[in-house]
Amino acid sequence: MINRNEIHDISPSMNSGRYDVCVAYRIYPGVSRTPPIFSENKIQLSDFCLDSFKNSLGPLKVKMIVLLDKCPPEYEAMFRKHFKDEDLVFHHLDGIGNLATFSMQGDLLLAQQFSDVVFFAEDDYYYRPGQFEEMVELLHNNPDVDFISPYDHPDDYAYSPRFSCKPLAFFSDRYWKRTGSTCLTFLTTKETLEKTKKVFLTYSRGNCDAGVWFALTKYHVLNPLSIVEFLLIAPRFVKFILLSWRYNWRQILFGKKYRLWVPIPSIGTHMESSYLAPGFRKELEDIQKMSGGNKN
């Protein structure tokens, strides 16, 4: 955790006004997964993803806090190409890594005064144009919503119906579903983040992202029969449940059950070839062809 007293450059100036969303966007120059395009060129992948993010924001006024983890100068230039200088705050980091940058995201988003709506962003997500605002509207208009991910994870469709998402809801011409977990790109409020920060911090101490979310949503963690069933159909989920108990047993037993929602169809996807959201593979293949047919 960073010392909030040391965060002196992210308070709004007298004429900055309020923002609809404050984003903490973390980025580093390596390729950690196998993206479907630009698989060997991180700066091209990053620029492609950031451009899609900017286009998805539509009319929203967004403050961008950017965590550049050992990034060369062209990465800062990339953000300045897509966003106005007054909407950007940069933190240049010396390769502190994934766990530390995630913890820092939470600290910075809680310390800032730009917006009560906050978004944790990773650098390898593609977003559909003009759709991000729907998540903000859902958060504002539904007290049943604690967290929103833009990513309809394919795991929700891989196993038996008993382990699938909760019933659907309809809002803003789109279906939304409650689900048990997602990755670490998500929207919430400062109030909710403050209440759940100790659970999220367990990720930086050795928990996994699914283990964090299972503790918050209480996804099958209280039913011993679920562990037996997961052993048969999805053994890796047993590890997630055990990690959830190891790091967050108090939250599981005594904490609030939080609600995580995702859109159908998905607003964005993690750019990992094996885990693209439904409907994105063809879309990305078409983009690849339009860009000259070169993955790299």
C-alpha atoms as a PDB file:
ATOM      1  CA  MET A   1       0.000   0.000   0.000  1.00  0.00           C
ATOM      2  CA  ILE A   2       1.259   3.472  -0.799  1.00  0.00           C
ATOM      3  CA  ASN A   3       1.023   6.322   1.682  1.00  0.00           C
ATOM      4  CA  ARG A   4      -1.901   8.515   0.709  1.00  0.00           C
ATOM      5  CA  ASN A   5      -0.173  11.501   2.264  1.00  0.00           C
ATOM      6  CA  GLU A   6       2.423  11.150  -0.494  1.00  0.00           C
ATOM      7  CA  ILE A   7      -0.191  11.437  -3.257  1.00  0.00           C
ATOM      8  CA  HIS A   8      -0.060  15.136  -3.966  1.00  0.00           C
ATOM      9  CA  ASP A   9      -0.705  15.409  -7.693  1.00  0.00           C
ATOM     10  CA  ILE A  10      -4.192  13.997  -8.207  1.00  0.00           C
ATOM     11  CA  SER A  11      -6.411  16.473  -6.382  1.00  0.00           C
ATOM     12  CA  PRO A  12      -8.653  18.516  -8.701  1.00  0.00           C
ATOM     13  CA  SER A  13      -7.758  22.129  -9.344  1.00  0.00           C
ATOM     14  CA  MET A  14     -10.279  24.901  -8.773  1.00  0.00           C
ATOM     15  CA  ASN A  15     -11.419  24.891 -12.395  1.00  0.00           C
ATOM     16  CA  SER A  16     -11.181  21.160 -13.185  1.00  0.00           C
ATOM     17  CA  GLY A  17     -14.828  20.376 -12.407  1.00  0.00           C
ATOM     18  CA  ARG A  18     -16.211  16.925 -11.681  1.00  0.00           C
ATOM     19  CA  TYR A  19     -15.615  13.877 -13.853  1.00  0.00           C
ATOM     20  CA  ASP A  20     -18.080  11.117 -14.674  1.00  0.00           C
ATOM     21  CA  VAL A  21     -15.459   8.432 -14.028  1.00  0.00           C
ATOM     22  CA  CYS A  22     -11.953   8.309 -12.633  1.00  0.00           C
ATOM     23  CA  VAL A  23      -9.866   5.565 -14.255  1.00  0.00           C
ATOM     24  CA  ALA A  24      -6.689   3.983 -12.926  1.00  0.00           C
ATOM     25  CA  TYR A  25      -5.112   2.450 -16.030  1.00  0.00           C
ATOM     26  CA  ARG A  26      -2.070   0.249 -15.449  1.00  0.00           C
ATOM     27  CA  ILE A  27       0.249  -0.703 -18.256  1.00  0.00           C
ATOM     28  CA  TYR A  28       3.628  -2.334 -18.756  1.00  0.00           C
ATOM     29  CA  PRO A  29       5.629  -3.062 -21.943  1.00  0.00           C
ATOM     30  CA  GLY A  30       5.519  -6.860 -21.865  1.00  0.00           C
ATOM     31  CA  VAL A  31       3.012  -9.271 -23.466  1.00  0.00           C
ATOM     32  CA  SER A  32       1.797 -11.620 -20.726  1.00  0.00           C
ATOM     33  CA  ARG A  33      -0.871 -13.514 -22.658  1.00  0.00           C
ATOM     34  CA  THR A  34      -1.471 -14.617 -26.253  1.00  0.00           C
ATOM     35  CA  PRO A  35      -3.578 -11.859 -27.813  1.00  0.00           C
ATOM     36  CA  PRO A  36      -5.409 -12.577 -31.084  1.00  0.00           C
ATOM     37  CA  ILE A  37      -3.718  -9.625 -32.804  1.00  0.00           C
ATOM     38  CA  PHE A  38      -0.415  -7.776 -32.299  1.00  0.00           C
ATOM     39  CA  SER A  39       0.802 -10.774 -30.341  1.00  0.00           C
ATOM     40  CA  GLU A  40       4.465  -9.782 -30.578  1.00  0.00           C
ATOM     41  CA  ASN A  41       4.153  -6.006 -30.508  1.00  0.00           C
ATOM     42  CA  LYS A  42       2.965  -4.629 -27.175  1.00  0.00           C
ATOM     43  CA  ILE A  43       2.979  -0.970 -28.157  1.00  0.00           C
ATOM     44  CA  GLN A  44       0.674  -1.711 -31.113  1.00  0.00           C
ATOM     45  CA  LEU A  45      -1.561  -3.867 -28.933  1.00  0.00           C
ATOM     46  CA  SER A  46      -1.630  -1.174 -26.253  1.00  0.00           C
ATOM     47  CA  ASP A  47      -2.463   1.573 -28.722  1.00  0.00           C
ATOM     48  CA  PHE A  48      -5.201  -0.554 -30.282  1.00  0.00           C
ATOM     49  CA  CYS A  49      -6.754  -1.280 -26.872  1.00  0.00           C
ATOM     50  CA  LEU A  50      -6.436   2.310 -25.632  1.00  0.00           C
ATOM     51  CA  ASP A  51      -7.996   3.657 -28.826  1.00  0.00           C
ATOM     52  CA  SER A  52     -10.939   1.278 -28.379  1.00  0.00           C
ATOM     53  CA  PHE A  53     -11.300   2.389 -24.752  1.00  0.00           C
ATOM     54  CA  LYS A  54     -11.372   6.065 -25.728  1.00  0.00           C
ATOM     55  CA  ASN A  55     -13.956   5.364 -28.452  1.00  0.00           C
ATOM     56  CA  SER A  56     -16.095   3.377 -26.022  1.00  0.00           C
ATOM     57  CA  LEU A  57     -16.259   6.249 -23.501  1.00  0.00           C
ATOM     58  CA  GLY A  58     -18.445   8.362 -25.792  1.00  0.00           C
ATOM     59  CA  PRO A  59     -19.495  11.641 -24.119  1.00  0.00           C
ATOM     60  CA  LEU A  60     -18.254  10.703 -20.648  1.00  0.00           C
ATOM     61  CA  LYS A  61     -15.835  13.082 -18.968  1.00  0.00           C
ATOM     62  CA  VAL A  62     -13.032  10.853 -17.680  1.00  0.00           C
ATOM     63  CA  LYS A  63      -9.950  11.475 -15.562  1.00  0.00           C
ATOM     64  CA  MET A  64      -7.113   9.112 -16.448  1.00  0.00           C
ATOM     65  CA  ILE A  65      -4.582   8.146 -13.785  1.00  0.00           C
ATOM     66  CA  VAL A  66      -1.959   6.161 -15.685  1.00  0.00           C
ATOM     67  CA  LEU A  67       0.454   3.753 -14.017  1.00  0.00           C
ATOM     68  CA  LEU A  68       3.403   3.330 -16.400  1.00  0.00           C
ATOM     69  CA  ASP A  69       5.364   0.372 -15.029  1.00  0.00           C
ATOM     70  CA  LYS A  70       8.866   0.588 -16.551  1.00  0.00           C
ATOM     71  CA  CYS A  71       7.408   1.844 -19.829  1.00  0.00           C
ATOM     72  CA  PRO A  72       9.567   3.646 -22.414  1.00  0.00           C
ATOM     73  CA  PRO A  73       8.605   7.233 -23.379  1.00  0.00           C
ATOM     74  CA  GLU A  74       6.400   6.212 -26.312  1.00  0.00           C
ATOM     75  CA  TYR A  75       3.804   4.861 -23.886  1.00  0.00           C
ATOM     76  CA  GLU A  76       3.234   8.247 -22.279  1.00  0.00           C
ATOM     77  CA  ALA A  77       3.081   9.778 -25.767  1.00  0.00           C
ATOM     78  CA  MET A  78       0.419   7.222 -26.681  1.00  0.00           C
ATOM     79  CA  PHE A  79      -1.851   8.386 -23.851  1.00  0.00           C
ATOM     80  CA  ARG A  80      -1.281  12.023 -24.755  1.00  0.00           C
ATOM     81  CA  LYS A  81      -2.363  11.189 -28.300  1.00  0.00           C
ATOM     82  CA  HIS A  82      -5.743   9.881 -27.117  1.00  0.00           C
ATOM     83  CA  PHE A  83      -6.520  12.154 -24.125  1.00  0.00           C
ATOM     84  CA  LYS A  84      -6.140  15.836 -23.267  1.00  0.00           C
ATOM     85  CA  ASP A  85      -3.251  16.773 -20.999  1.00  0.00           C
ATOM     86  CA  GLU A  86      -5.590  18.178 -18.334  1.00  0.00           C
ATOM     87  CA  ASP A  87      -7.325  14.802 -18.101  1.00  0.00           C
ATOM     88  CA  LEU A  88      -4.105  12.851 -17.521  1.00  0.00           C
ATOM     89  CA  VAL A  89      -2.000  12.088 -14.450  1.00  0.00           C
ATOM     90  CA  PHE A  90       1.078   9.894 -14.876  1.00  0.00           C
ATOM     91  CA  HIS A  91       2.870   7.720 -12.350  1.00  0.00           C
ATOM     92  CA  HIS A  92       6.213   6.430 -13.651  1.00  0.00           C
ATOM     93  CA  LEU A  93       7.093   3.204 -11.853  1.00  0.00           C
ATOM     94  CA  ASP A  94      10.304   1.212 -11.861  1.00  0.00           C
ATOM     95  CA  GLY A  95       8.987  -2.249 -12.715  1.00  0.00           C
ATOM     96  CA  ILE A  96       7.088  -2.884  -9.482  1.00  0.00           C
ATOM     97  CA  GLY A  97       4.956  -5.572 -11.135  1.00  0.00           C
ATOM     98  CA  ASN A  98       1.360  -6.718 -11.398  1.00  0.00           C
ATOM     99  CA  LEU A  99       0.570  -7.211  -7.704  1.00  0.00           C
ATOM    100  CA  ALA A 100       1.946  -3.857  -6.612  1.00  0.00           C
ATOM    101  CA  THR A 101       0.335  -1.880  -9.438  1.00  0.00           C
ATOM    102  CA  PHE A 102      -3.063  -3.362  -8.626  1.00  0.00           C
ATOM    103  CA  SER A 103      -2.705  -2.338  -4.983  1.00  0.00           C
ATOM    104  CA  MET A 104      -1.621   1.120  -6.101  1.00  0.00           C
ATOM    105  CA  GLN A 105      -4.689   1.424  -8.341  1.00  0.00           C
ATOM    106  CA  GLY A 106      -6.926   1.000  -5.316  1.00  0.00           C
ATOM    107  CA  ASP A 107      -5.022   3.543  -3.238  1.00  0.00           C
ATOM    108  CA  LEU A 108      -5.061   6.150  -5.979  1.00  0.00           C
ATOM    109  CA  LEU A 109      -8.749   5.708  -6.748  1.00  0.00           C
ATOM    110  CA  LEU A 110      -9.679   6.043  -3.088  1.00  0.00           C
ATOM    111  CA  ALA A 111      -7.477   9.123  -2.625  1.00  0.00           C
ATOM    112  CA  GLN A 112      -8.685  11.062  -5.678  1.00  0.00           C
ATOM    113  CA  GLN A 113     -11.560  13.571  -5.551  1.00  0.00           C
ATOM    114  CA  PHE A 114     -12.389  13.701  -9.255  1.00  0.00           C
ATOM    115  CA  SER A 115     -15.289  11.235  -9.266  1.00  0.00           C
ATOM    116  CA  ASP A 116     -17.223   8.883  -7.013  1.00  0.00           C
ATOM    117  CA  VAL A 117     -17.325   6.356  -9.883  1.00  0.00           C
ATOM    118  CA  VAL A 118     -14.030   4.516 -10.363  1.00  0.00           C
ATOM    119  CA  PHE A 119     -12.710   2.074 -12.939  1.00  0.00           C
ATOM    120  CA  PHE A 120      -9.813  -0.358 -12.656  1.00  0.00           C
ATOM    121  CA  ALA A 121      -8.338  -0.820 -16.148  1.00  0.00           C
ATOM    122  CA  GLU A 122      -5.781  -3.296 -17.460  1.00  0.00           C
ATOM    123  CA  ASP A 123      -3.909  -2.597 -20.674  1.00  0.00           C
ATOM    124  CA  ASP A 124      -5.048  -5.611 -22.739  1.00  0.00           C
ATOM    125  CA  TYR A 125      -8.805  -5.068 -23.158  1.00  0.00           C
ATOM    126  CA  TYR A 126     -10.673  -4.237 -26.340  1.00  0.00           C
ATOM    127  CA  TYR A 127     -13.946  -2.267 -25.993  1.00  0.00           C
ATOM    128  CA  ARG A 128     -16.823  -1.755 -28.387  1.00  0.00           C
ATOM    129  CA  PRO A 129     -17.466   1.848 -29.426  1.00  0.00           C
ATOM    130  CA  GLY A 130     -19.833   4.088 -27.481  1.00  0.00           C
ATOM    131  CA  GLN A 131     -20.951   1.460 -24.962  1.00  0.00           C
ATOM    132  CA  PHE A 132     -19.005   2.208 -21.766  1.00  0.00           C
ATOM    133  CA  GLU A 133     -21.585   4.797 -20.684  1.00  0.00           C
ATOM    134  CA  GLU A 134     -24.153   2.014 -20.250  1.00  0.00           C
ATOM    135  CA  MET A 135     -22.149   0.607 -17.349  1.00  0.00           C
ATOM    136  CA  VAL A 136     -22.057   3.980 -15.626  1.00  0.00           C
ATOM    137  CA  GLU A 137     -25.799   4.409 -16.091  1.00  0.00           C
ATOM    138  CA  LEU A 138     -26.455   0.943 -14.683  1.00  0.00           C
ATOM    139  CA  LEU A 139     -24.336   1.720 -11.633  1.00  0.00           C
ATOM    140  CA  HIS A 140     -26.118   5.026 -11.029  1.00  0.00           C
ATOM    141  CA  ASN A 141     -29.661   3.729 -11.503  1.00  0.00           C
ATOM    142  CA  ASN A 142     -29.674   0.359  -9.741  1.00  0.00           C
ATOM    143  CA  PRO A 143     -28.960  -0.056  -6.010  1.00  0.00           C
ATOM    144  CA  ASP A 144     -28.625  -3.802  -6.663  1.00  0.00           C
ATOM    145  CA  VAL A 145     -25.349  -3.181  -8.526  1.00  0.00           C
ATOM    146  CA  ASP A 146     -22.043  -3.124  -6.617  1.00  0.00           C
ATOM    147  CA  PHE A 147     -19.556  -3.958  -9.377  1.00  0.00           C
ATOM    148  CA  ILE A 148     -19.689  -4.131 -13.173  1.00  0.00           C
ATOM    149  CA  SER A 149     -17.265  -5.803 -15.545  1.00  0.00           C
ATOM    150  CA  PRO A 150     -17.349  -5.010 -19.281  1.00  0.00           C
ATOM    151  CA  TYR A 151     -16.244  -8.602 -19.946  1.00  0.00           C
ATOM    152  CA  ASP A 152     -18.645 -11.528 -20.377  1.00  0.00           C
ATOM    153  CA  HIS A 153     -16.160 -14.234 -19.404  1.00  0.00           C
ATOM    154  CA  PRO A 154     -16.474 -17.517 -21.388  1.00  0.00           C
ATOM    155  CA  ASP A 155     -16.163 -19.518 -18.161  1.00  0.00           C
ATOM    156  CA  ASP A 156     -19.835 -18.717 -17.553  1.00  0.00           C
ATOM    157  CA  TYR A 157     -20.719 -20.923 -20.522  1.00  0.00           C
ATOM    158  CA  ALA A 158     -18.222 -23.727 -20.029  1.00  0.00           C
ATOM    159  CA  TYR A 159     -19.776 -25.662 -17.159  1.00  0.00           C
ATOM    160  CA  SER A 160     -23.081 -27.034 -15.978  1.00  0.00           C
ATOM    161  CA  PRO A 161     -26.114 -24.727 -15.631  1.00  0.00           C
ATOM    162  CA  ARG A 162     -25.939 -25.016 -11.840  1.00  0.00           C
ATOM    163  CA  PHE A 163     -22.705 -23.034 -11.858  1.00  0.00           C
ATOM    164  CA  SER A 164     -23.816 -20.450 -14.395  1.00  0.00           C
ATOM    165  CA  CYS A 165     -24.820 -16.853 -13.750  1.00  0.00           C
ATOM    166  CA  LYS A 166     -27.891 -15.585 -11.943  1.00  0.00           C
ATOM    167  CA  PRO A 167     -31.097 -14.677 -13.852  1.00  0.00           C
ATOM    168  CA  LEU A 168     -30.876 -11.880 -16.390  1.00  0.00           C
ATOM    169  CA  ALA A 169     -32.030  -8.298 -16.029  1.00  0.00           C
ATOM    170  CA  PHE A 170     -32.775  -5.823 -18.823  1.00  0.00           C
ATOM    171  CA  PHE A 171     -31.506  -2.247 -18.777  1.00  0.00           C
ATOM    172  CA  SER A 172     -30.692   0.312 -21.478  1.00  0.00           C
ATOM    173  CA  ASP A 173     -31.568  -2.040 -24.362  1.00  0.00           C
ATOM    174  CA  ARG A 174     -29.164  -4.694 -23.110  1.00  0.00           C
ATOM    175  CA  TYR A 175     -29.313  -7.796 -20.955  1.00  0.00           C
ATOM    176  CA  TRP A 176     -27.187  -7.956 -17.822  1.00  0.00           C
ATOM    177  CA  LYS A 177     -26.394 -10.954 -15.660  1.00  0.00           C
ATOM    178  CA  ARG A 178     -25.074 -11.461 -12.165  1.00  0.00           C
ATOM    179  CA  THR A 179     -21.990 -13.601 -12.077  1.00  0.00           C
ATOM    180  CA  GLY A 180     -19.531 -14.964  -9.549  1.00  0.00           C
ATOM    181  CA  SER A 181     -16.203 -13.624 -10.746  1.00  0.00           C
ATOM    182  CA  THR A 182     -14.331 -11.697 -13.386  1.00  0.00           C
ATOM    183  CA  CYS A 183     -10.797 -10.412 -13.917  1.00  0.00           C
ATOM    184  CA  LEU A 184      -9.355  -7.178 -12.520  1.00  0.00           C
ATOM    185  CA  THR A 185     -10.951  -4.714 -14.936  1.00  0.00           C
ATOM    186  CA  PHE A 186     -14.148  -3.433 -13.333  1.00  0.00           C
ATOM    187  CA  LEU A 187     -16.317  -0.448 -12.407  1.00  0.00           C
ATOM    188  CA  THR A 188     -17.544   0.456  -8.927  1.00  0.00           C
ATOM    189  CA  THR A 189     -17.924   3.405  -6.550  1.00  0.00           C
ATOM    190  CA  LYS A 190     -15.458   4.806  -4.039  1.00  0.00           C
ATOM    191  CA  GLU A 191     -17.878   3.902  -1.261  1.00  0.00           C
ATOM    192  CA  THR A 192     -18.005   0.243  -2.273  1.00  0.00           C
ATOM    193  CA  LEU A 193     -14.263   0.125  -2.900  1.00  0.00           C
ATOM    194  CA  GLU A 194     -13.591   1.510   0.581  1.00  0.00           C
ATOM    195  CA  LYS A 195     -15.755  -1.237   2.111  1.00  0.00           C
ATOM    196  CA  THR A 196     -14.086  -4.022   0.123  1.00  0.00           C
ATOM    197  CA  LYS A 197     -10.464  -2.837  -0.109  1.00  0.00           C
ATOM    198  CA  LYS A 198      -9.177  -5.390   2.421  1.00  0.00           C
ATOM    199  CA  VAL A 199     -10.595  -8.219   0.309  1.00  0.00           C
ATOM    200  CA  PHE A 200      -9.025  -6.844  -2.872  1.00  0.00           C
ATOM    201  CA  LEU A 201      -5.673  -6.418  -1.138  1.00  0.00           C
ATOM    202  CA  THR A 202      -5.459 -10.191  -0.640  1.00  0.00           C
ATOM    203  CA  TYR A 203      -4.745 -10.428  -4.375  1.00  0.00           C
ATOM    204  CA  SER A 204      -1.433  -8.693  -3.765  1.00  0.00           C
ATOM    205  CA  ARG A 205      -0.674 -11.159  -0.940  1.00  0.00           C
ATOM    206  CA  GLY A 206      -1.135 -14.342  -2.991  1.00  0.00           C
ATOM    207  CA  ASN A 207      -4.858 -14.730  -3.654  1.00  0.00           C
ATOM    208  CA  CYS A 208      -6.083 -15.047  -7.251  1.00  0.00           C
ATOM    209  CA  ASP A 209      -8.612 -12.778  -8.939  1.00  0.00           C
ATOM    210  CA  ALA A 210     -11.335 -15.444  -8.880  1.00  0.00           C
ATOM    211  CA  GLY A 211     -10.625 -16.090  -5.205  1.00  0.00           C
ATOM    212  CA  VAL A 212     -11.158 -12.413  -4.467  1.00  0.00           C
ATOM    213  CA  TRP A 213     -14.435 -12.287  -6.359  1.00  0.00           C
ATOM    214  CA  PHE A 214     -15.739 -15.554  -4.899  1.00  0.00           C
ATOM    215  CA  ALA A 215     -15.340 -14.085  -1.406  1.00  0.00           C
ATOM    216  CA  LEU A 216     -17.229 -10.934  -2.391  1.00  0.00           C
ATOM    217  CA  THR A 217     -20.042 -12.614  -4.360  1.00  0.00           C
ATOM    218  CA  LYS A 218     -20.003 -15.805  -2.203  1.00  0.00           C
ATOM    219  CA  TYR A 219     -20.166 -17.848  -5.386  1.00  0.00           C
ATOM    220  CA  HIS A 220     -20.638 -21.488  -4.250  1.00  0.00           C
ATOM    221  CA  VAL A 221     -18.107 -21.054  -1.432  1.00  0.00           C
ATOM    222  CA  LEU A 222     -20.610 -21.986   1.288  1.00  0.00           C
ATOM    223  CA  ASN A 223     -21.744 -25.267  -0.269  1.00  0.00           C
ATOM    224  CA  PRO A 224     -19.367 -28.250   0.278  1.00  0.00           C
ATOM    225  CA  LEU A 225     -21.135 -30.176  -2.493  1.00  0.00           C
ATOM    226  CA  SER A 226     -19.963 -27.535  -4.967  1.00  0.00           C
ATOM    227  CA  ILE A 227     -16.347 -28.460  -4.320  1.00  0.00           C
ATOM    228  CA  VAL A 228     -17.110 -32.095  -5.126  1.00  0.00           C
ATOM    229  CA  GLU A 229     -18.908 -31.125  -8.337  1.00  0.00           C
ATOM    230  CA  PHE A 230     -16.143 -28.752  -9.359  1.00  0.00           C
ATOM    231  CA  LEU A 231     -13.621 -31.559  -8.867  1.00  0.00           C
ATOM    232  CA  LEU A 232     -15.503 -33.465 -11.557  1.00  0.00           C
ATOM    233  CA  ILE A 233     -16.213 -30.728 -14.102  1.00  0.00           C
ATOM    234  CA  ALA A 234     -13.775 -27.861 -13.385  1.00  0.00           C
ATOM    235  CA  PRO A 235     -10.938 -28.814 -10.997  1.00  0.00           C
ATOM    236  CA  ARG A 236      -9.214 -25.423 -11.239  1.00  0.00           C
ATOM    237  CA  PHE A 237     -12.264 -23.835  -9.574  1.00  0.00           C
ATOM    238  CA  VAL A 238     -11.539 -25.882  -6.438  1.00  0.00           C
ATOM    239  CA  LYS A 239      -8.235 -24.009  -6.106  1.00  0.00           C
ATOM    240  CA  PHE A 240     -10.089 -20.690  -6.473  1.00  0.00           C
ATOM    241  CA  ILE A 241     -12.547 -21.616  -3.725  1.00  0.00           C
ATOM    242  CA  LEU A 242      -9.792 -22.790  -1.375  1.00  0.00           C
ATOM    243  CA  LEU A 243      -7.811 -19.590  -1.928  1.00  0.00           C
ATOM    244  CA  SER A 244     -10.960 -17.595  -1.284  1.00  0.00           C
ATOM    245  CA  TRP A 245     -11.384 -19.301   2.094  1.00  0.00           C
ATOM    246  CA  ARG A 246      -7.699 -19.042   2.972  1.00  0.00           C
ATOM    247  CA  TYR A 247      -7.488 -15.295   2.490  1.00  0.00           C
ATOM    248  CA  ASN A 248     -11.042 -14.063   3.106  1.00  0.00           C
ATOM    249  CA  TRP A 249     -12.853 -16.460   5.423  1.00  0.00           C
ATOM    250  CA  ARG A 250     -14.173 -13.588   7.552  1.00  0.00           C
ATOM    251  CA  GLN A 251     -15.738 -11.930   4.508  1.00  0.00           C
ATOM    252  CA  ILE A 252     -17.265 -15.237   3.409  1.00  0.00           C
ATOM    253  CA  LEU A 253     -18.791 -15.979   6.805  1.00  0.00           C
ATOM    254  CA  PHE A 254     -19.680 -12.520   8.076  1.00  0.00           C
ATOM    255  CA  GLY A 255     -19.402 -10.013   5.239  1.00  0.00           C
ATOM    256  CA  LYS A 256     -21.969  -8.622   2.840  1.00  0.00           C
ATOM    257  CA  LYS A 257     -22.767 -10.538  -0.332  1.00  0.00           C
ATOM    258  CA  TYR A 258     -21.841  -8.197  -3.175  1.00  0.00           C
ATOM    259  CA  ARG A 259     -23.354  -8.243  -6.649  1.00  0.00           C
ATOM    260  CA  LEU A 260     -21.197  -8.322  -9.757  1.00  0.00           C
ATOM    261  CA  TRP A 261     -22.861  -7.684 -13.125  1.00  0.00           C
ATOM    262  CA  VAL A 262     -21.725  -8.170 -16.719  1.00  0.00           C
ATOM    263  CA  PRO A 263     -23.362  -7.184 -20.030  1.00  0.00           C
ATOM    264  CA  ILE A 264     -24.785  -9.461 -22.725  1.00  0.00           C
ATOM    265  CA  PRO A 265     -23.506  -8.996 -25.339  1.00  0.00           C
ATOM    266  CA  SER A 266     -20.168  -8.115 -23.856  1.00  0.00           C
ATOM    267  CA  ILE A 267     -18.987  -4.500 -23.980  1.00  0.00           C
ATOM    268  CA  GLY A 268     -15.336  -5.532 -23.924  1.00  0.00           C
ATOM    269  CA  THR A 269     -13.070  -8.536 -23.917  1.00  0.00           C
ATOM    270  CA  HIS A 270      -9.796  -9.536 -22.407  1.00  0.00           C
ATOM    271  CA  MET A 271      -7.380  -9.842 -25.321  1.00  0.00           C
ATOM    272  CA  GLU A 272      -6.408 -13.429 -24.600  1.00  0.00           C
ATOM    273  CA  SER A 273      -7.030 -15.793 -27.513  1.00  0.00           C
ATOM    274  CA  SER A 274      -8.298 -18.661 -25.359  1.00  0.00           C
ATOM    275  CA  TYR A 275     -10.704 -16.482 -23.363  1.00  0.00           C
ATOM    276  CA  LEU A 276     -12.312 -14.015 -25.742  1.00  0.00           C
ATOM    277  CA  ALA A 277     -15.840 -12.969 -24.821  1.00  0.00           C
ATOM    278  CA  PRO A 278     -18.581 -14.526 -26.982  1.00  0.00           C
ATOM    279  CA  GLY A 279     -18.903 -12.867 -30.383  1.00  0.00           C
ATOM    280  CA  PHE A 280     -15.529 -11.117 -30.388  1.00  0.00           C
ATOM    281  CA  ARG A 281     -13.399 -13.555 -32.381  1.00  0.00           C
ATOM    282  CA  LYS A 282     -14.973 -12.736 -35.737  1.00  0.00           C
ATOM    283  CA  GLU A 283     -14.958  -9.013 -34.897  1.00  0.00           C
ATOM    284  CA  LEU A 284     -11.241  -9.059 -34.137  1.00  0.00           C
ATOM    285  CA  GLU A 285     -10.483 -11.183 -37.196  1.00  0.00           C
ATOM    286  CA  ASP A 286     -12.222  -8.573 -39.360  1.00  0.00           C
ATOM    287  CA  ILE A 287     -10.207  -5.800 -37.691  1.00  0.00           C
ATOM    288  CA  GLN A 288      -7.048  -7.773 -38.340  1.00  0.00           C
ATOM    289  CA  LYS A 289      -7.910  -8.134 -42.023  1.00  0.00           C
ATOM    290  CA  MET A 290      -8.664  -4.421 -42.328  1.00  0.00           C
ATOM    291  CA  SER A 291      -5.299  -3.618 -40.775  1.00  0.00           C
ATOM    292  CA  GLY A 292      -3.496  -5.665 -43.391  1.00  0.00           C
ATOM    293  CA  GLY A 293      -3.898  -9.194 -42.079  1.00  0.00           C
ATOM    294  CA  ASN A 294      -0.764  -9.102 -39.913  1.00  0.00           C
ATOM    295  CA  LYS A 295      -1.118 -10.296 -36.353  1.00  0.00           C
ATOM    296  CA  ASN A 296       2.086  -8.646 -35.369  1.00  0.00           C
END
